[in-house]
Amino acid sequence: MKMLAGKVSEAIAAIKEKAKLRKGMLFLLAIFFILQVYFVRELLAAELLFGALFAVLLVLAGVFYLVGAIGERGIDFVEPGVRVMVDSARRGYRAVEEISKKPFRQPESAQ
């Protein structure tokens, strides 16, 4: 009887140890799973933030490109008018230069 009781108590102790081991393994597995979920959420949040940052940079680059393209088109559009103004300014400068070479008074004028 003592032998049977000893075996039963050993079996019960082994089951308790296995139960503790199982609980510990389940606890560690639960912690690992929770941490994995947490890190995945953190990585997704970081990816969304970086995605938003890159989207803002893309929009800024697009705006700068459009401003540059419009500026180039504007220069092409305005160039004929500027040429006319430059020619007119040169003619005016030559006219002022001609006038400045002439004396203000006529040599025969009375003083």
N, C-alpha and C. Protein backbone atom coordinates (compact mmCIF):
# COMPACT_ATOMS: atom_id res chain seq x y z
N MET A 1 0.82 -1.17 0.00
CA MET A 1 0.00 0.00 0.00
C MET A 1 0.87 1.25 0.00
N LYS A 2 1.94 1.23 0.77
CA LYS A 2 2.83 2.38 0.81
C LYS A 2 3.46 2.59 -0.56
N MET A 3 3.74 1.50 -1.20
CA MET A 3 4.34 1.58 -2.52
C MET A 3 3.37 2.21 -3.52
N LEU A 4 2.14 1.82 -3.45
CA LEU A 4 1.12 2.37 -4.34
C LEU A 4 0.88 3.85 -4.02
N ALA A 5 0.84 4.19 -2.75
CA ALA A 5 0.65 5.58 -2.34
C ALA A 5 1.84 6.43 -2.78
N GLY A 6 3.03 5.87 -2.69
CA GLY A 6 4.22 6.60 -3.14
C GLY A 6 4.19 6.85 -4.63
N LYS A 7 3.77 5.81 -5.36
CA LYS A 7 3.68 5.98 -6.81
C LYS A 7 2.61 6.99 -7.18
N VAL A 8 1.50 6.94 -6.50
CA VAL A 8 0.42 7.89 -6.77
C VAL A 8 0.87 9.30 -6.44
N SER A 9 1.54 9.47 -5.29
CA SER A 9 2.01 10.82 -4.93
C SER A 9 3.07 11.32 -5.92
N GLU A 10 3.91 10.41 -6.40
CA GLU A 10 4.90 10.79 -7.43
C GLU A 10 4.20 11.20 -8.72
N ALA A 11 3.19 10.46 -9.10
CA ALA A 11 2.44 10.78 -10.32
C ALA A 11 1.74 12.13 -10.19
N ILE A 12 1.15 12.35 -9.00
CA ILE A 12 0.48 13.63 -8.77
C ILE A 12 1.50 14.77 -8.80
N ALA A 13 2.65 14.57 -8.21
CA ALA A 13 3.71 15.60 -8.21
C ALA A 13 4.18 15.85 -9.64
N ALA A 14 4.32 14.79 -10.43
CA ALA A 14 4.75 14.95 -11.83
C ALA A 14 3.71 15.71 -12.63
N ILE A 15 2.43 15.39 -12.38
CA ILE A 15 1.35 16.10 -13.08
C ILE A 15 1.35 17.58 -12.69
N LYS A 16 1.56 17.85 -11.37
CA LYS A 16 1.61 19.24 -10.92
C LYS A 16 2.78 19.97 -11.57
N GLU A 17 3.92 19.31 -11.65
CA GLU A 17 5.09 19.94 -12.29
C GLU A 17 4.81 20.20 -13.77
N LYS A 18 4.19 19.21 -14.41
CA LYS A 18 3.84 19.40 -15.82
C LYS A 18 2.83 20.53 -15.98
N ALA A 19 1.88 20.61 -15.07
CA ALA A 19 0.89 21.68 -15.12
C ALA A 19 1.57 23.04 -14.94
N LYS A 20 2.52 23.11 -13.98
CA LYS A 20 3.26 24.36 -13.78
C LYS A 20 4.09 24.70 -15.03
N LEU A 21 4.69 23.65 -15.57
CA LEU A 21 5.48 23.86 -16.78
C LEU A 21 4.59 24.32 -17.93
N ARG A 22 3.43 23.67 -18.04
CA ARG A 22 2.49 24.07 -19.10
C ARG A 22 2.00 25.50 -18.89
N LYS A 23 1.67 25.84 -17.65
CA LYS A 23 1.24 27.21 -17.35
C LYS A 23 2.36 28.21 -17.68
N GLY A 24 3.57 27.85 -17.31
CA GLY A 24 4.70 28.73 -17.60
C GLY A 24 4.92 28.88 -19.10
N MET A 25 4.82 27.76 -19.82
CA MET A 25 4.98 27.81 -21.28
C MET A 25 3.87 28.62 -21.92
N LEU A 26 2.63 28.41 -21.44
CA LEU A 26 1.50 29.20 -21.97
C LEU A 26 1.69 30.68 -21.65
N PHE A 27 2.17 30.96 -20.45
CA PHE A 27 2.41 32.35 -20.05
C PHE A 27 3.46 32.99 -20.95
N LEU A 28 4.57 32.29 -21.18
CA LEU A 28 5.62 32.80 -22.06
C LEU A 28 5.13 32.94 -23.49
N LEU A 29 4.35 31.96 -23.93
CA LEU A 29 3.79 32.03 -25.28
C LEU A 29 2.83 33.21 -25.42
N ALA A 30 2.02 33.45 -24.38
CA ALA A 30 1.10 34.59 -24.40
C ALA A 30 1.87 35.90 -24.43
N ILE A 31 2.92 36.01 -23.62
CA ILE A 31 3.74 37.23 -23.62
C ILE A 31 4.38 37.43 -24.99
N PHE A 32 4.91 36.36 -25.57
CA PHE A 32 5.53 36.45 -26.89
C PHE A 32 4.52 36.91 -27.93
N PHE A 33 3.32 36.35 -27.89
CA PHE A 33 2.28 36.73 -28.86
C PHE A 33 1.86 38.19 -28.68
N ILE A 34 1.70 38.60 -27.41
CA ILE A 34 1.31 39.99 -27.15
C ILE A 34 2.40 40.95 -27.63
N LEU A 35 3.65 40.61 -27.37
CA LEU A 35 4.75 41.46 -27.84
C LEU A 35 4.81 41.51 -29.36
N GLN A 36 4.55 40.38 -30.00
CA GLN A 36 4.54 40.37 -31.46
C GLN A 36 3.44 41.27 -31.99
N VAL A 37 2.27 41.18 -31.39
CA VAL A 37 1.17 42.05 -31.82
C VAL A 37 1.53 43.50 -31.58
N TYR A 38 2.14 43.81 -30.43
CA TYR A 38 2.54 45.18 -30.12
C TYR A 38 3.56 45.70 -31.13
N PHE A 39 4.59 44.88 -31.42
CA PHE A 39 5.62 45.33 -32.35
C PHE A 39 5.06 45.48 -33.75
N VAL A 40 4.15 44.61 -34.13
CA VAL A 40 3.53 44.74 -35.45
C VAL A 40 2.73 46.03 -35.52
N ARG A 41 2.02 46.34 -34.46
CA ARG A 41 1.26 47.59 -34.44
C ARG A 41 2.20 48.79 -34.50
N GLU A 42 3.29 48.73 -33.77
CA GLU A 42 4.26 49.82 -33.80
C GLU A 42 4.87 49.97 -35.19
N LEU A 43 5.21 48.86 -35.81
CA LEU A 43 5.79 48.93 -37.15
C LEU A 43 4.78 49.47 -38.16
N LEU A 44 3.53 49.07 -38.04
CA LEU A 44 2.51 49.60 -38.94
C LEU A 44 2.33 51.10 -38.72
N ALA A 45 2.34 51.53 -37.47
CA ALA A 45 2.21 52.97 -37.19
C ALA A 45 3.40 53.73 -37.77
N ALA A 46 4.61 53.19 -37.59
CA ALA A 46 5.79 53.85 -38.14
C ALA A 46 5.73 53.88 -39.66
N GLU A 47 5.27 52.80 -40.26
CA GLU A 47 5.17 52.77 -41.72
C GLU A 47 4.15 53.79 -42.22
N LEU A 48 3.05 53.94 -41.51
CA LEU A 48 2.06 54.95 -41.90
C LEU A 48 2.62 56.36 -41.76
N LEU A 49 3.38 56.60 -40.69
CA LEU A 49 3.98 57.93 -40.52
C LEU A 49 4.99 58.22 -41.63
N PHE A 50 5.85 57.24 -41.93
CA PHE A 50 6.82 57.45 -43.00
C PHE A 50 6.11 57.60 -44.34
N GLY A 51 5.05 56.85 -44.55
CA GLY A 51 4.28 56.98 -45.78
C GLY A 51 3.69 58.38 -45.92
N ALA A 52 3.15 58.90 -44.82
CA ALA A 52 2.60 60.25 -44.85
C ALA A 52 3.69 61.28 -45.12
N LEU A 53 4.86 61.09 -44.50
CA LEU A 53 5.98 62.00 -44.74
C LEU A 53 6.41 61.98 -46.20
N PHE A 54 6.52 60.79 -46.76
CA PHE A 54 6.91 60.69 -48.16
C PHE A 54 5.84 61.27 -49.08
N ALA A 55 4.58 61.14 -48.70
CA ALA A 55 3.50 61.73 -49.49
C ALA A 55 3.61 63.26 -49.48
N VAL A 56 3.92 63.82 -48.32
CA VAL A 56 4.10 65.28 -48.23
C VAL A 56 5.28 65.72 -49.09
N LEU A 57 6.38 64.97 -49.02
CA LEU A 57 7.55 65.30 -49.85
C LEU A 57 7.22 65.18 -51.33
N LEU A 58 6.43 64.18 -51.70
CA LEU A 58 6.03 64.02 -53.09
C LEU A 58 5.19 65.20 -53.56
N VAL A 59 4.27 65.64 -52.72
CA VAL A 59 3.44 66.79 -53.08
C VAL A 59 4.30 68.04 -53.22
N LEU A 60 5.23 68.26 -52.29
CA LEU A 60 6.12 69.42 -52.39
C LEU A 60 6.97 69.38 -53.66
N ALA A 61 7.51 68.21 -53.98
CA ALA A 61 8.30 68.08 -55.20
C ALA A 61 7.44 68.36 -56.42
N GLY A 62 6.21 67.88 -56.41
CA GLY A 62 5.29 68.15 -57.52
C GLY A 62 4.99 69.63 -57.67
N VAL A 63 4.78 70.31 -56.54
CA VAL A 63 4.51 71.75 -56.58
C VAL A 63 5.72 72.50 -57.13
N PHE A 64 6.92 72.15 -56.66
CA PHE A 64 8.13 72.81 -57.16
C PHE A 64 8.31 72.55 -58.65
N TYR A 65 8.03 71.34 -59.09
CA TYR A 65 8.14 71.03 -60.51
C TYR A 65 7.15 71.86 -61.32
N LEU A 66 5.91 71.96 -60.85
CA LEU A 66 4.90 72.74 -61.57
C LEU A 66 5.28 74.22 -61.63
N VAL A 67 5.78 74.75 -60.52
CA VAL A 67 6.18 76.16 -60.51
C VAL A 67 7.32 76.38 -61.51
N GLY A 68 8.29 75.47 -61.53
CA GLY A 68 9.39 75.60 -62.49
C GLY A 68 8.92 75.48 -63.92
N ALA A 69 8.03 74.53 -64.19
CA ALA A 69 7.52 74.35 -65.55
C ALA A 69 6.71 75.57 -65.99
N ILE A 70 5.89 76.10 -65.09
CA ILE A 70 5.11 77.30 -65.42
C ILE A 70 6.05 78.48 -65.65
N GLY A 71 7.11 78.59 -64.86
CA GLY A 71 8.08 79.66 -65.06
C GLY A 71 8.75 79.57 -66.42
N GLU A 72 9.13 78.34 -66.82
CA GLU A 72 9.75 78.18 -68.13
C GLU A 72 8.77 78.54 -69.25
N ARG A 73 7.54 78.10 -69.12
CA ARG A 73 6.53 78.44 -70.13
C ARG A 73 6.27 79.94 -70.15
N GLY A 74 6.27 80.54 -68.97
CA GLY A 74 6.06 81.99 -68.90
C GLY A 74 7.18 82.75 -69.58
N ILE A 75 8.41 82.29 -69.42
CA ILE A 75 9.54 82.95 -70.09
C ILE A 75 9.39 82.82 -71.59
N ASP A 76 9.02 81.64 -72.07
CA ASP A 76 8.80 81.46 -73.50
C ASP A 76 7.67 82.34 -74.01
N PHE A 77 6.64 82.51 -73.19
CA PHE A 77 5.48 83.30 -73.60
C PHE A 77 5.80 84.80 -73.61
N VAL A 78 6.61 85.26 -72.67
CA VAL A 78 6.89 86.69 -72.51
C VAL A 78 8.05 87.15 -73.39
N GLU A 79 8.87 86.23 -73.88
CA GLU A 79 10.08 86.61 -74.61
C GLU A 79 9.82 87.55 -75.79
N PRO A 80 8.82 87.33 -76.66
CA PRO A 80 8.61 88.28 -77.77
C PRO A 80 8.30 89.70 -77.27
N GLY A 81 7.52 89.82 -76.23
CA GLY A 81 7.20 91.15 -75.68
C GLY A 81 8.44 91.82 -75.12
N VAL A 82 9.28 91.05 -74.48
CA VAL A 82 10.51 91.61 -73.91
C VAL A 82 11.42 92.08 -75.04
N ARG A 83 11.48 91.34 -76.13
CA ARG A 83 12.32 91.77 -77.26
C ARG A 83 11.83 93.11 -77.81
N VAL A 84 10.51 93.27 -77.92
CA VAL A 84 9.96 94.55 -78.40
C VAL A 84 10.32 95.66 -77.43
N MET A 85 10.22 95.40 -76.13
CA MET A 85 10.55 96.43 -75.15
C MET A 85 12.04 96.78 -75.20
N VAL A 86 12.90 95.77 -75.40
CA VAL A 86 14.33 96.03 -75.48
C VAL A 86 14.64 96.88 -76.71
N ASP A 87 14.04 96.55 -77.83
CA ASP A 87 14.26 97.36 -79.04
C ASP A 87 13.78 98.79 -78.82
N SER A 88 12.62 98.94 -78.20
CA SER A 88 12.09 100.28 -77.93
C SER A 88 13.02 101.04 -76.98
N ALA A 89 13.54 100.36 -75.96
CA ALA A 89 14.45 101.01 -75.02
C ALA A 89 15.74 101.42 -75.72
N ARG A 90 16.24 100.60 -76.61
CA ARG A 90 17.46 100.97 -77.35
C ARG A 90 17.21 102.19 -78.23
N ARG A 91 16.06 102.20 -78.90
CA ARG A 91 15.74 103.38 -79.73
C ARG A 91 15.63 104.63 -78.87
N GLY A 92 14.99 104.50 -77.71
CA GLY A 92 14.85 105.64 -76.81
C GLY A 92 16.20 106.10 -76.30
N TYR A 93 17.08 105.14 -75.96
CA TYR A 93 18.41 105.50 -75.48
C TYR A 93 19.19 106.24 -76.57
N ARG A 94 19.09 105.74 -77.81
CA ARG A 94 19.77 106.43 -78.92
C ARG A 94 19.22 107.83 -79.13
N ALA A 95 17.89 107.96 -79.00
CA ALA A 95 17.28 109.29 -79.17
C ALA A 95 17.75 110.23 -78.08
N VAL A 96 17.82 109.77 -76.84
CA VAL A 96 18.29 110.61 -75.74
C VAL A 96 19.75 110.96 -75.94
N GLU A 97 20.54 110.01 -76.44
CA GLU A 97 21.95 110.28 -76.71
C GLU A 97 22.11 111.34 -77.80
N GLU A 98 21.28 111.26 -78.83
CA GLU A 98 21.33 112.27 -79.91
C GLU A 98 20.96 113.65 -79.37
N ILE A 99 19.93 113.66 -78.54
CA ILE A 99 19.48 114.94 -77.99
C ILE A 99 20.56 115.52 -77.08
N SER A 100 21.23 114.68 -76.31
CA SER A 100 22.22 115.18 -75.37
C SER A 100 23.45 115.74 -76.09
N LYS A 101 23.71 115.31 -77.31
CA LYS A 101 24.86 115.83 -78.05
C LYS A 101 24.57 117.21 -78.62
N LYS A 102 23.32 117.55 -78.83
CA LYS A 102 22.96 118.87 -79.38
C LYS A 102 23.03 119.90 -78.27
N PRO A 103 23.48 121.07 -78.60
CA PRO A 103 23.53 122.13 -77.59
C PRO A 103 22.11 122.61 -77.27
N PHE A 104 21.97 123.13 -76.05
CA PHE A 104 20.65 123.60 -75.63
C PHE A 104 20.28 124.92 -76.31
N ARG A 105 21.28 125.75 -76.57
CA ARG A 105 21.01 127.06 -77.17
C ARG A 105 21.53 127.10 -78.58
N GLN A 106 20.87 127.82 -79.37
CA GLN A 106 21.33 128.03 -80.74
C GLN A 106 22.47 129.04 -80.69
N PRO A 107 23.46 128.88 -81.58
CA PRO A 107 24.60 129.80 -81.52
C PRO A 107 24.19 131.27 -81.79
N GLU A 108 23.11 131.48 -82.56
CA GLU A 108 22.72 132.87 -82.88
C GLU A 108 21.81 133.47 -81.84
N SER A 109 21.44 132.75 -80.84
CA SER A 109 20.44 133.25 -79.90
C SER A 109 21.05 134.36 -79.03
N ALA A 110 20.20 135.27 -78.66
CA ALA A 110 20.66 136.38 -77.82
C ALA A 110 20.58 135.99 -76.36
N GLN A 111 21.55 136.50 -75.65
CA GLN A 111 21.56 136.14 -74.24
C GLN A 111 21.03 137.22 -73.39
